[in-house]
Amino acid sequence: IVGDGEMQEGQIWEAMLQAAHYKLDNLIMVIDYNKLSSYDEVNKSMNLEPLKQKVEAFNFYTIEIDGNDMKQVVDALNEAYQVKDKPIAIICNTIKGKGVSFMENEKIWHHLSPQGEQYDLAVKELEANRP
């Protein structure tokens, strides 16, 4: 599991080169692509786009999904288990803080945790949206 901020680091891409070279079909890389880091939008500091095409260029079998939809996550993992002779990347387009009104797409929650009334509200909103 890697974050989009980590995708800006060279060792990730070096590991991907190795994985593809050795056809590591037992490797599933899950990328949390919420497009926010602690301080700014990820693609302002180092543009990852077009991410799917870049990952595919490294010879990964690539699946792109809504990472906030657990059915899509499970389906993508099931698909990944069927792939042979290639490593797999699942790009999960997510919303930071999904389901909590005051947290959604707010980069400050990259390093904070809700306390007191904020915590109570977060739990209430998440429980209200549980299937």
Protein backbone atom coordinates (compact mmCIF):
# COMPACT_ATOMS: atom_id res chain seq x y z
CA ILE A 1 0.00 0.00 0.00
CA VAL A 2 1.51 3.31 -1.07
CA GLY A 3 0.24 6.85 -0.97
CA ASP A 4 0.35 9.24 -3.87
CA GLY A 5 3.02 11.26 -2.05
CA GLU A 6 5.20 8.16 -1.93
CA MET A 7 4.72 7.79 -5.68
CA GLN A 8 6.90 10.90 -6.00
CA GLU A 9 9.89 9.01 -4.58
CA GLY A 10 12.44 7.25 -6.72
CA GLN A 11 12.65 4.04 -4.73
CA ILE A 12 9.00 3.29 -5.52
CA TRP A 13 9.69 3.41 -9.26
CA GLU A 14 12.91 1.42 -8.83
CA ALA A 15 10.96 -1.28 -6.99
CA MET A 16 8.37 -1.25 -9.76
CA LEU A 17 11.13 -1.80 -12.37
CA GLN A 18 12.36 -4.82 -10.41
CA ALA A 19 8.86 -6.22 -9.94
CA ALA A 20 8.12 -6.02 -13.64
CA HIS A 21 11.51 -7.43 -14.62
CA TYR A 22 10.95 -10.50 -12.44
CA LYS A 23 7.26 -10.79 -13.42
CA LEU A 24 6.13 -10.75 -9.79
CA ASP A 25 2.49 -11.65 -10.32
CA ASN A 26 2.14 -12.18 -6.57
CA LEU A 27 2.73 -8.45 -5.97
CA ILE A 28 -0.32 -6.21 -5.75
CA MET A 29 0.50 -2.54 -5.26
CA VAL A 30 -2.46 -0.54 -3.94
CA ILE A 31 -2.06 3.19 -4.54
CA ASP A 32 -4.14 5.58 -2.43
CA TYR A 33 -4.59 8.44 -4.89
CA ASN A 34 -6.41 11.16 -2.96
CA LYS A 35 -4.25 13.85 -4.61
CA LEU A 36 -3.45 15.63 -1.31
CA SER A 37 -0.33 15.68 0.80
CA SER A 38 0.22 17.34 4.16
CA TYR A 39 0.91 20.73 2.66
CA ASP A 40 -0.44 20.93 -0.88
CA GLU A 41 -2.00 19.11 -3.78
CA VAL A 42 0.26 16.23 -4.79
CA ASN A 43 0.33 17.16 -8.46
CA LYS A 44 1.47 20.70 -7.71
CA SER A 45 4.72 19.52 -6.11
CA MET A 46 5.39 16.64 -8.53
CA ASN A 47 2.82 15.85 -11.20
CA LEU A 48 1.98 12.16 -11.32
CA GLU A 49 -0.41 12.45 -14.24
CA PRO A 50 -1.11 10.49 -16.29
CA LEU A 51 -0.59 8.02 -13.42
CA LYS A 52 -2.31 5.01 -14.95
CA GLN A 53 -0.33 5.28 -18.19
CA LYS A 54 2.94 5.72 -16.28
CA VAL A 55 2.29 2.62 -14.17
CA GLU A 56 1.32 0.65 -17.27
CA ALA A 57 4.55 1.81 -18.95
CA PHE A 58 6.39 0.03 -16.13
CA ASN A 59 4.64 -3.14 -17.31
CA PHE A 60 2.15 -3.42 -14.46
CA TYR A 61 -1.32 -4.79 -14.98
CA THR A 62 -3.24 -1.71 -13.87
CA ILE A 63 -6.74 -1.36 -12.50
CA GLU A 64 -8.21 2.05 -11.68
CA ILE A 65 -11.15 2.29 -9.29
CA ASP A 66 -13.08 4.44 -6.84
CA GLY A 67 -11.15 3.48 -3.73
CA ASN A 68 -13.95 4.66 -1.45
CA ASP A 69 -16.26 1.99 -2.88
CA MET A 70 -15.47 -1.28 -1.10
CA LYS A 71 -17.23 -3.37 -3.74
CA GLN A 72 -14.86 -1.96 -6.35
CA VAL A 73 -11.90 -2.64 -4.04
CA VAL A 74 -12.93 -6.28 -3.54
CA ASP A 75 -13.64 -6.74 -7.26
CA ALA A 76 -10.24 -5.25 -8.17
CA LEU A 77 -8.45 -7.56 -5.73
CA ASN A 78 -10.30 -10.57 -7.12
CA GLU A 79 -9.30 -9.52 -10.65
CA ALA A 80 -5.70 -9.01 -9.53
CA TYR A 81 -5.46 -12.56 -8.18
CA GLN A 82 -6.14 -13.87 -11.71
CA VAL A 83 -3.23 -12.00 -13.37
CA LYS A 84 -0.19 -13.99 -14.47
CA ASP A 85 3.35 -12.88 -15.37
CA LYS A 86 2.94 -9.22 -14.33
CA PRO A 87 2.83 -7.29 -11.09
CA ILE A 88 -0.48 -5.56 -10.42
CA ALA A 89 -1.27 -1.97 -9.46
CA ILE A 90 -4.68 -0.89 -8.21
CA ILE A 91 -5.04 2.87 -8.39
CA CYS A 92 -7.64 3.82 -5.79
CA ASN A 93 -9.00 7.28 -6.51
CA THR A 94 -10.09 8.33 -3.04
CA ILE A 95 -11.38 11.34 -1.17
CA LYS A 96 -9.38 12.19 1.93
CA GLY A 97 -11.71 12.06 4.94
CA LYS A 98 -14.60 10.62 2.90
CA GLY A 99 -17.84 10.59 4.85
CA VAL A 100 -16.89 13.16 7.47
CA SER A 101 -18.14 16.60 6.46
CA PHE A 102 -15.41 18.68 8.04
CA MET A 103 -12.61 16.35 6.92
CA GLU A 104 -13.36 15.74 3.24
CA ASN A 105 -10.56 17.00 1.01
CA GLU A 106 -8.96 18.93 3.87
CA LYS A 107 -5.20 18.38 3.85
CA ILE A 108 -4.84 19.30 7.54
CA TRP A 109 -6.37 15.92 8.44
CA HIS A 110 -3.30 14.27 6.92
CA HIS A 111 -1.63 14.65 10.31
CA LEU A 112 -4.42 15.47 12.79
CA SER A 113 -6.99 13.30 14.51
CA PRO A 114 -10.41 14.48 15.66
CA GLN A 115 -10.88 15.07 19.38
CA GLY A 116 -13.93 15.61 21.60
CA GLU A 117 -16.93 16.98 19.71
CA GLN A 118 -15.18 16.57 16.36
CA TYR A 119 -14.62 12.89 17.10
CA ASP A 120 -18.26 12.42 18.13
CA LEU A 121 -19.48 14.15 14.96
CA ALA A 122 -17.14 12.07 12.78
CA VAL A 123 -18.39 8.81 14.29
CA LYS A 124 -22.01 9.93 13.96
CA GLU A 125 -21.59 10.84 10.28
CA LEU A 126 -19.74 7.62 9.44
CA GLU A 127 -22.34 5.49 11.22
CA ALA A 128 -25.16 7.31 9.42
CA ASN A 129 -23.64 6.39 6.06
CA ARG A 130 -22.88 2.77 6.87
CA PRO A 131 -24.71 0.37 4.51
